[in-house]
Amino acid sequence: MSTTDRELRVGMVGYAFMGAAHSQAWRTVNRVYDLPARVRMAAICGRDAGKVADAADRLGWETYTTDWRELIARDDIDIVDVCTPGDSHAEITLAALAAGKHVLCEKPLANSVAEARAMTAAAATAQAAGIRSMCGFNYRRVPAVTMMQQMVAAGRLGTIRHVRAVYLQDWIVDPQFPLVWRLQKDKAGSGALGDIGAHIIDLTQFVTGQRISGVSAVTETFVKERPLPTGSSGLAATVDGSGPATGQVTVDDAAIFLARLDGGGLATYEASRFATGRKNALRVEINGSLGTLVFDLERLNELEFYDATRPAAEQGFSRILVTEGDHPYMSAWWPPGHIIGYEHSFTHQMRDLVEAVATGADPAPSFADALQVQLVLDAVERSARLGSAWTEVEPALAQVAV
């Protein structure tokens, strides 16, 4: 429990899958961590009055509104949490920063590099006035992933040679699954590439401390048309079956690319929503001159570690159970050996944001970090359009000057 009287009042835009995950984290964070400020869930916003009213009651928000501009204009909002589809990230975020609100924006940061650059520039301007911003790449906050990063930074793997990263799902394998917003480029920006590929791009750059400098990519849309939905929420949707109405899928179903890291390592990435049987399978392996680390989201409390500095007779992969009190984030949870889950990564995200805002620190990942991911997504799409031609990732910093 927080022992401070300082309050940070949160207004959240969006209430579906990510809205529910963020709400759980906002409800929980002060109950498990002693932070320099207490969170107050002041208001939630959504377009449908009936649904957002229900969400406010179900998820624990004090009030609701159907107008995000009204939410941003309120004097009793300190942090704006953006959990909407990507086509509204830039507009809402830019308005919130201009109004002097701290911002947490879900990933990917935007639907285009131009939007991401504008958001990063606005965040830099706001930072000078003490306003903080962060992009929600929650997998950084899985304790095993944070520990992986710490081990790499400490030199346990030596020089990084290879990165292998996959993120596989199968929720749209059925060609009769409806044409939800995640399958429309004007709303989502891209398909599997931006939705789940962005996660493994950020995760591997975070863990290795190296950025992707160039790519060669292929993308594919396996099902070109789908039935129009009559209703949707999160990753679920319905059709009434009364007619033949369909719409065009305008994003990728899968993306695969080779990459070079700026530290000299080679990497492969695969993001697919057509990996039949794989529900949410994220796996990263990093090979270095002194060892290997492996993370698997389906075993998210564990790391596999191969230490090549051990005597030859003792070498082999070992399992590290990341549940000790001195492991990242774990001191607030359960006794050693008692595991945590997916939702805890969001609680850890809110912990870090609240601490940063309350103490005047800069949270990570920053919008500049998220812009780097956006630039990789853009390079992948350009490479795929050019028949997998080798494509350099555009530089970020030179074009983000305030």
Protein backbone atom coordinates (compact mmCIF):
# COMPACT_ATOMS: atom_id res chain seq x y z
CA MET A 1 0.00 0.00 0.00
CA SER A 2 1.15 3.54 -0.79
CA THR A 3 1.91 5.64 2.27
CA THR A 4 1.85 8.98 0.42
CA ASP A 5 -0.94 11.55 0.16
CA ARG A 6 0.05 12.55 -3.37
CA GLU A 7 -2.49 11.51 -5.98
CA LEU A 8 -2.18 10.88 -9.73
CA ARG A 9 -5.57 10.93 -11.44
CA VAL A 10 -5.84 8.74 -14.53
CA GLY A 11 -8.17 9.06 -17.50
CA MET A 12 -8.18 6.14 -19.92
CA VAL A 13 -9.42 6.15 -23.52
CA GLY A 14 -10.56 2.68 -24.64
CA TYR A 15 -12.08 -0.19 -22.69
CA ALA A 16 -11.73 -3.43 -24.67
CA PHE A 17 -8.85 -5.96 -24.43
CA MET A 18 -6.05 -3.52 -23.57
CA GLY A 19 -8.40 -1.30 -21.60
CA ALA A 20 -9.26 -4.23 -19.35
CA ALA A 21 -5.60 -5.18 -18.93
CA HIS A 22 -4.61 -1.61 -18.07
CA SER A 23 -7.55 -1.23 -15.68
CA GLN A 24 -6.51 -4.32 -13.76
CA ALA A 25 -3.02 -2.86 -13.44
CA TRP A 26 -4.22 0.58 -12.30
CA ARG A 27 -6.46 -1.10 -9.69
CA THR A 28 -3.61 -3.24 -8.40
CA VAL A 29 -0.43 -1.18 -8.51
CA ASN A 30 -0.80 0.67 -5.19
CA ARG A 31 -2.00 -2.46 -3.45
CA VAL A 32 1.28 -4.28 -4.05
CA TYR A 33 3.90 -1.54 -4.38
CA ASP A 34 4.72 1.31 -2.01
CA LEU A 35 4.94 4.20 -4.47
CA PRO A 36 5.48 7.97 -4.13
CA ALA A 37 1.94 8.62 -5.40
CA ARG A 38 -1.47 6.97 -5.25
CA VAL A 39 -3.42 6.24 -8.43
CA ARG A 40 -7.02 7.37 -8.71
CA MET A 41 -9.00 5.88 -11.60
CA ALA A 42 -10.89 9.07 -12.37
CA ALA A 43 -12.48 8.52 -15.77
CA ILE A 44 -12.78 6.16 -18.72
CA CYS A 45 -13.76 7.10 -22.26
CA GLY A 46 -15.40 5.18 -25.10
CA ARG A 47 -17.62 5.94 -28.09
CA ASP A 48 -20.64 3.84 -27.05
CA ALA A 49 -22.33 5.35 -23.97
CA GLY A 50 -23.90 2.10 -22.82
CA LYS A 51 -20.76 0.02 -23.23
CA VAL A 52 -18.44 2.56 -21.62
CA ALA A 53 -20.83 2.97 -18.68
CA ASP A 54 -20.76 -0.80 -18.19
CA ALA A 55 -16.96 -0.80 -18.51
CA ALA A 56 -16.61 1.95 -15.91
CA ASP A 57 -18.63 -0.09 -13.43
CA ARG A 58 -16.99 -3.41 -14.28
CA LEU A 59 -13.38 -2.17 -14.42
CA GLY A 60 -13.47 0.22 -11.47
CA TRP A 61 -13.52 3.74 -12.96
CA GLU A 62 -15.25 6.57 -11.10
CA THR A 63 -16.83 8.29 -14.12
CA TYR A 64 -17.14 7.87 -17.88
CA THR A 65 -17.49 9.99 -21.00
CA THR A 66 -17.91 9.42 -24.72
CA ASP A 67 -15.71 12.38 -25.70
CA TRP A 68 -11.94 12.03 -25.28
CA ARG A 69 -11.51 15.77 -25.75
CA GLU A 70 -13.71 16.34 -22.72
CA LEU A 71 -11.61 13.89 -20.74
CA ILE A 72 -8.36 15.65 -21.67
CA ALA A 73 -9.83 19.06 -20.78
CA ARG A 74 -10.72 17.99 -17.23
CA ASP A 75 -8.70 19.57 -14.42
CA ASP A 76 -8.84 16.35 -12.40
CA ILE A 77 -6.85 14.28 -14.93
CA ASP A 78 -3.06 14.02 -14.63
CA ILE A 79 -2.31 10.96 -16.81
CA VAL A 80 -4.02 10.03 -20.08
CA ASP A 81 -3.82 6.32 -20.91
CA VAL A 82 -4.42 5.67 -24.64
CA CYS A 83 -5.76 2.15 -25.34
CA THR A 84 -7.49 2.81 -28.66
CA PRO A 85 -6.83 1.44 -32.17
CA GLY A 86 -3.72 2.92 -33.76
CA ASP A 87 -5.54 5.37 -36.04
CA SER A 88 -6.37 7.61 -33.06
CA HIS A 89 -3.11 7.33 -31.08
CA ALA A 90 -1.52 10.43 -32.59
CA GLU A 91 -4.53 12.75 -32.33
CA ILE A 92 -5.32 11.85 -28.72
CA THR A 93 -1.70 11.82 -27.59
CA LEU A 94 -0.78 15.13 -29.20
CA ALA A 95 -3.82 16.79 -27.63
CA ALA A 96 -3.06 15.33 -24.22
CA LEU A 97 0.57 16.46 -24.27
CA ALA A 98 -0.46 19.94 -25.41
CA ALA A 99 -2.87 20.06 -22.46
CA GLY A 100 -0.05 19.26 -20.04
CA LYS A 101 -1.06 15.66 -19.32
CA HIS A 102 1.38 12.80 -18.85
CA VAL A 103 0.72 10.09 -21.45
CA LEU A 104 0.89 6.31 -21.62
CA CYS A 105 0.22 5.16 -25.19
CA GLU A 106 -0.23 1.55 -26.25
CA LYS A 107 2.00 0.02 -28.88
CA PRO A 108 2.76 0.41 -31.68
CA LEU A 109 3.07 4.13 -31.07
CA ALA A 110 1.34 5.18 -34.31
CA ASN A 111 0.15 4.01 -37.72
CA SER A 112 2.95 5.72 -39.63
CA VAL A 113 6.47 7.04 -39.22
CA ALA A 114 5.22 10.59 -39.79
CA GLU A 115 2.78 10.29 -36.89
CA ALA A 116 5.40 8.68 -34.67
CA ARG A 117 7.87 11.46 -35.42
CA ALA A 118 5.29 14.13 -34.57
CA MET A 119 4.44 12.35 -31.31
CA THR A 120 8.11 11.99 -30.38
CA ALA A 121 8.76 15.67 -31.07
CA ALA A 122 5.74 16.66 -28.98
CA ALA A 123 6.91 14.41 -26.16
CA ALA A 124 10.35 16.06 -26.22
CA THR A 125 8.74 19.51 -25.99
CA ALA A 126 6.49 18.38 -23.14
CA GLN A 127 9.43 16.75 -21.34
CA ALA A 128 11.09 20.17 -21.03
CA ALA A 129 7.99 21.28 -19.10
CA GLY A 130 8.07 18.24 -16.80
CA ILE A 131 5.46 16.21 -18.70
CA ARG A 132 6.32 12.50 -19.09
CA SER A 133 5.37 10.01 -21.77
CA MET A 134 5.80 6.27 -22.22
CA CYS A 135 4.87 3.63 -24.81
CA GLY A 136 3.28 0.43 -23.53
CA PHE A 137 5.57 -2.41 -24.53
CA ASN A 138 4.52 -4.48 -21.53
CA TYR A 139 6.69 -7.55 -22.20
CA ARG A 140 9.74 -5.59 -21.06
CA ARG A 141 8.17 -5.81 -17.60
CA VAL A 142 8.00 -9.60 -17.42
CA PRO A 143 10.57 -10.26 -14.66
CA ALA A 144 12.38 -12.93 -16.69
CA VAL A 145 12.74 -10.53 -19.65
CA THR A 146 14.09 -7.76 -17.41
CA MET A 147 16.52 -10.24 -15.88
CA MET A 148 17.54 -11.36 -19.36
CA GLN A 149 18.40 -7.76 -20.20
CA GLN A 150 20.39 -7.37 -16.99
CA MET A 151 22.41 -10.52 -17.71
CA VAL A 152 23.22 -9.39 -21.25
CA ALA A 153 24.21 -5.92 -19.98
CA ALA A 154 26.47 -7.56 -17.39
CA GLY A 155 28.34 -9.37 -20.17
CA ARG A 156 27.15 -12.88 -19.38
CA LEU A 157 26.66 -13.69 -23.08
CA GLY A 158 29.75 -11.87 -24.34
CA THR A 159 29.47 -10.56 -27.89
CA ILE A 160 25.98 -11.00 -29.34
CA ARG A 161 26.07 -13.16 -32.49
CA HIS A 162 22.46 -14.18 -33.15
CA VAL A 163 18.91 -13.24 -32.19
CA ARG A 164 15.93 -15.47 -33.05
CA ALA A 165 12.50 -14.12 -32.26
CA VAL A 166 9.04 -15.47 -33.08
CA TYR A 167 5.56 -14.38 -32.05
CA LEU A 168 2.85 -16.76 -33.26
CA GLN A 169 -0.94 -16.74 -32.94
CA ASP A 170 -3.82 -18.44 -34.76
CA TRP A 171 -6.96 -16.43 -33.95
CA ILE A 172 -7.75 -15.60 -37.60
CA VAL A 173 -6.95 -18.98 -39.19
CA ASP A 174 -10.67 -19.49 -39.93
CA PRO A 175 -11.41 -17.63 -43.20
CA GLN A 176 -14.90 -16.92 -41.86
CA PHE A 177 -13.53 -14.91 -38.96
CA PRO A 178 -14.89 -11.37 -39.43
CA LEU A 179 -13.09 -8.30 -40.75
CA VAL A 180 -12.31 -6.64 -37.40
CA TRP A 181 -10.36 -3.38 -37.12
CA ARG A 182 -7.05 -5.18 -36.63
CA LEU A 183 -7.38 -6.40 -40.25
CA GLN A 184 -7.83 -2.91 -41.72
CA LYS A 185 -4.76 -0.83 -42.51
CA ASP A 186 -6.46 2.53 -42.04
CA LYS A 187 -7.27 1.59 -38.44
CA ALA A 188 -4.40 -0.72 -37.42
CA GLY A 189 -1.49 0.51 -39.54
CA SER A 190 -0.34 -3.04 -40.26
CA GLY A 191 -1.30 -6.59 -39.35
CA ALA A 192 0.72 -9.21 -37.52
CA LEU A 193 3.79 -7.08 -38.16
CA GLY A 194 2.68 -4.11 -36.06
CA ASP A 195 0.41 -5.93 -33.63
CA ILE A 196 2.76 -8.66 -32.44
CA GLY A 197 5.93 -8.14 -34.48
CA ALA A 198 6.40 -4.78 -32.77
CA HIS A 199 6.63 -6.60 -29.44
CA ILE A 200 9.54 -8.81 -30.45
CA ILE A 201 11.32 -5.94 -32.16
CA ASP A 202 11.17 -3.87 -28.97
CA LEU A 203 11.92 -6.81 -26.69
CA THR A 204 15.07 -7.87 -28.55
CA GLN A 205 16.37 -4.32 -28.92
CA PHE A 206 15.74 -3.79 -25.20
CA VAL A 207 17.45 -7.02 -24.14
CA THR A 208 20.48 -6.73 -26.40
CA GLY A 209 20.93 -2.96 -26.16
CA GLN A 210 21.35 -2.98 -29.96
CA ARG A 211 19.14 -1.59 -32.68
CA ILE A 212 18.08 -3.16 -35.96
CA SER A 213 19.90 -1.35 -38.76
CA GLY A 214 18.65 -3.14 -41.88
CA VAL A 215 16.16 -5.82 -42.97
CA SER A 216 15.10 -8.15 -45.77
CA ALA A 217 11.44 -9.07 -45.47
CA VAL A 218 8.47 -10.95 -46.86
CA THR A 219 4.85 -10.47 -45.83
CA GLU A 220 1.70 -12.34 -46.86
CA THR A 221 -2.06 -11.96 -46.56
CA PHE A 222 -3.43 -15.48 -46.78
CA VAL A 223 -7.14 -14.61 -46.64
CA LYS A 224 -7.90 -11.59 -48.84
CA GLU A 225 -11.57 -11.04 -47.94
CA ARG A 226 -13.60 -11.66 -44.80
CA PRO A 227 -17.22 -11.32 -43.64
CA LEU A 228 -18.14 -7.94 -42.24
CA PRO A 229 -18.65 -8.07 -38.47
CA THR A 230 -21.86 -7.21 -36.68
CA GLY A 231 -20.03 -6.75 -33.39
CA SER A 232 -16.53 -7.03 -31.97
CA SER A 233 -14.56 -6.65 -28.76
CA GLY A 234 -10.88 -7.28 -28.26
CA LEU A 235 -9.91 -10.32 -30.34
CA ALA A 236 -13.49 -11.61 -30.62
CA ALA A 237 -16.15 -10.74 -33.20
CA THR A 238 -19.54 -11.89 -34.51
CA VAL A 239 -21.36 -12.03 -37.86
CA ASP A 240 -25.10 -12.44 -38.31
CA GLY A 241 -24.77 -14.84 -41.24
CA SER A 242 -27.66 -13.20 -43.10
CA GLY A 243 -25.80 -12.13 -46.19
CA PRO A 244 -22.72 -12.39 -48.37
CA ALA A 245 -21.26 -8.98 -47.42
CA THR A 246 -17.49 -9.12 -47.21
CA GLY A 247 -14.64 -6.64 -47.06
CA GLN A 248 -11.01 -6.64 -48.13
CA VAL A 249 -8.23 -7.47 -45.68
CA THR A 250 -5.69 -4.69 -46.11
CA VAL A 251 -2.93 -5.79 -43.72
CA ASP A 252 -0.45 -8.64 -43.53
CA ASP A 253 -1.37 -11.95 -41.91
CA ALA A 254 2.30 -12.86 -41.46
CA ALA A 255 5.69 -11.17 -41.69
CA ILE A 256 9.15 -12.77 -41.71
CA PHE A 257 12.41 -10.86 -41.95
CA LEU A 258 16.15 -11.12 -41.62
CA ALA A 259 17.90 -8.29 -39.80
CA ARG A 260 21.31 -6.97 -38.90
CA LEU A 261 21.92 -5.41 -35.50
CA ASP A 262 24.07 -2.31 -35.21
CA GLY A 263 26.44 -4.27 -32.98
CA GLY A 264 27.16 -6.74 -35.78
CA GLY A 265 24.82 -9.57 -34.85
CA LEU A 266 22.38 -11.32 -37.20
CA ALA A 267 18.70 -11.77 -36.38
CA THR A 268 15.56 -13.46 -37.65
CA TYR A 269 11.98 -12.44 -36.82
CA GLU A 270 8.65 -14.11 -37.53
CA ALA A 271 5.20 -12.73 -36.66
CA SER A 272 2.11 -14.64 -37.73
CA ARG A 273 -1.57 -14.91 -36.90
CA PHE A 274 -1.79 -18.10 -39.00
CA ALA A 275 0.36 -20.46 -36.89
CA THR A 276 -2.36 -23.05 -36.31
CA GLY A 277 -2.34 -24.25 -32.71
CA ARG A 278 -0.17 -21.40 -31.42
CA LYS A 279 -2.32 -19.16 -29.24
CA ASN A 280 0.19 -16.59 -27.97
CA ALA A 281 3.61 -18.12 -28.51
CA LEU A 282 6.44 -15.62 -28.09
CA ARG A 283 9.96 -17.03 -27.95
CA VAL A 284 13.33 -15.27 -28.06
CA GLU A 285 16.79 -16.88 -28.14
CA ILE A 286 20.00 -14.87 -27.96
CA ASN A 287 23.37 -16.49 -28.74
CA GLY A 288 26.60 -14.83 -27.67
CA SER A 289 30.27 -15.68 -27.59
CA LEU A 290 30.00 -16.74 -23.93
CA GLY A 291 26.53 -18.25 -23.72
CA THR A 292 22.85 -18.33 -24.69
CA LEU A 293 19.64 -17.09 -23.08
CA VAL A 294 16.14 -18.25 -24.03
CA PHE A 295 12.75 -16.79 -23.03
CA ASP A 296 9.39 -18.42 -23.79
CA LEU A 297 6.22 -16.49 -22.91
CA GLU A 298 4.33 -19.75 -22.31
CA ARG A 299 6.84 -20.37 -19.48
CA LEU A 300 7.18 -16.73 -18.53
CA ASN A 301 8.57 -17.33 -15.04
CA GLU A 302 11.64 -19.09 -16.46
CA LEU A 303 14.84 -18.43 -18.37
CA GLU A 304 17.07 -21.00 -20.03
CA PHE A 305 20.76 -20.19 -19.69
CA TYR A 306 23.78 -21.85 -21.28
CA ASP A 307 27.04 -20.70 -19.70
CA ALA A 308 29.95 -21.50 -22.01
CA THR A 309 32.45 -20.27 -19.40
CA ARG A 310 31.76 -23.31 -17.20
CA PRO A 311 34.10 -26.31 -17.39
CA ALA A 312 33.22 -28.46 -20.39
CA ALA A 313 32.04 -31.31 -18.16
CA GLU A 314 29.51 -28.98 -16.46
CA GLN A 315 28.11 -27.19 -19.49
CA GLY A 316 24.47 -27.52 -20.49
CA PHE A 317 21.27 -25.51 -20.44
CA SER A 318 20.02 -24.68 -16.97
CA ARG A 319 16.60 -23.40 -15.92
CA ILE A 320 16.39 -20.22 -13.85
CA LEU A 321 13.07 -19.86 -12.04
CA VAL A 322 12.59 -16.09 -11.82
CA THR A 323 10.49 -15.91 -8.65
CA GLU A 324 12.99 -14.85 -5.98
CA GLY A 325 12.47 -11.67 -4.01
CA ASP A 326 15.63 -10.14 -5.47
CA HIS A 327 14.55 -10.84 -9.05
CA PRO A 328 13.10 -7.84 -10.95
CA TYR A 329 9.66 -6.73 -9.69
CA MET A 330 9.18 -9.89 -7.59
CA SER A 331 9.67 -8.45 -4.09
CA ALA A 332 6.03 -7.32 -4.00
CA TRP A 333 4.50 -10.66 -4.90
CA TRP A 334 4.63 -14.18 -3.48
CA PRO A 335 7.17 -16.47 -1.77
CA PRO A 336 9.85 -18.02 -4.03
CA GLY A 337 8.47 -20.59 -6.45
CA HIS A 338 5.00 -19.04 -6.58
CA ILE A 339 4.55 -17.92 -10.17
CA ILE A 340 2.97 -14.82 -11.68
CA GLY A 341 1.23 -14.28 -15.03
CA TYR A 342 0.58 -12.13 -18.09
CA GLU A 343 -1.40 -9.45 -16.26
CA HIS A 344 1.45 -8.72 -13.86
CA SER A 345 3.52 -7.19 -16.67
CA PHE A 346 0.97 -4.37 -16.90
CA THR A 347 1.08 -3.80 -13.13
CA HIS A 348 4.86 -3.51 -13.37
CA GLN A 349 4.42 -1.06 -16.27
CA MET A 350 2.16 1.15 -14.16
CA ARG A 351 4.57 0.92 -11.23
CA ASP A 352 7.41 2.26 -13.33
CA LEU A 353 5.27 5.02 -14.85
CA VAL A 354 3.88 6.21 -11.53
CA GLU A 355 7.34 6.22 -9.99
CA ALA A 356 8.77 8.18 -12.94
CA VAL A 357 5.99 10.78 -12.98
CA ALA A 358 6.07 11.23 -9.21
CA THR A 359 9.84 11.62 -9.05
CA GLY A 360 10.36 13.59 -12.26
CA ALA A 361 12.26 10.81 -14.03
CA ASP A 362 11.97 9.80 -17.67
CA PRO A 363 10.10 6.49 -18.07
CA ALA A 364 11.06 3.84 -20.61
CA PRO A 365 10.31 2.86 -23.26
CA SER A 366 10.15 6.49 -24.37
CA PHE A 367 8.38 7.72 -27.46
CA ALA A 368 11.85 7.90 -29.04
CA ASP A 369 12.28 4.17 -28.32
CA ALA A 370 8.85 3.52 -29.85
CA LEU A 371 9.76 5.62 -32.90
CA GLN A 372 12.74 3.32 -33.45
CA VAL A 373 10.35 0.34 -33.52
CA GLN A 374 8.09 2.22 -35.94
CA LEU A 375 11.08 2.81 -38.24
CA VAL A 376 11.83 -0.93 -38.26
CA LEU A 377 8.18 -1.72 -39.08
CA ASP A 378 8.39 0.77 -41.95
CA ALA A 379 11.63 -0.76 -43.26
CA VAL A 380 10.06 -4.23 -43.18
CA GLU A 381 7.06 -3.06 -45.20
CA ARG A 382 9.27 -1.24 -47.72
CA SER A 383 11.49 -4.30 -48.13
CA ALA A 384 8.50 -6.59 -48.69
CA ARG A 385 7.11 -4.24 -51.35
CA LEU A 386 10.51 -4.31 -53.10
CA GLY A 387 10.67 -8.09 -53.34
CA SER A 388 12.65 -8.56 -50.11
CA ALA A 389 15.36 -6.08 -51.13
CA TRP A 390 17.82 -5.23 -48.37
CA THR A 391 16.45 -2.07 -46.75
CA GLU A 392 18.18 0.19 -44.25
CA VAL A 393 16.22 1.42 -41.24
CA GLU A 394 15.86 5.18 -41.39
CA PRO A 395 17.70 7.18 -38.69
CA ALA A 396 15.51 8.56 -35.92
CA LEU A 397 17.29 11.29 -34.02
CA ALA A 398 18.20 13.68 -36.81
CA GLN A 399 14.55 14.24 -37.71
CA VAL A 400 13.04 14.60 -34.26
CA ALA A 401 14.51 17.98 -33.38
CA VAL A 402 12.09 20.23 -31.50
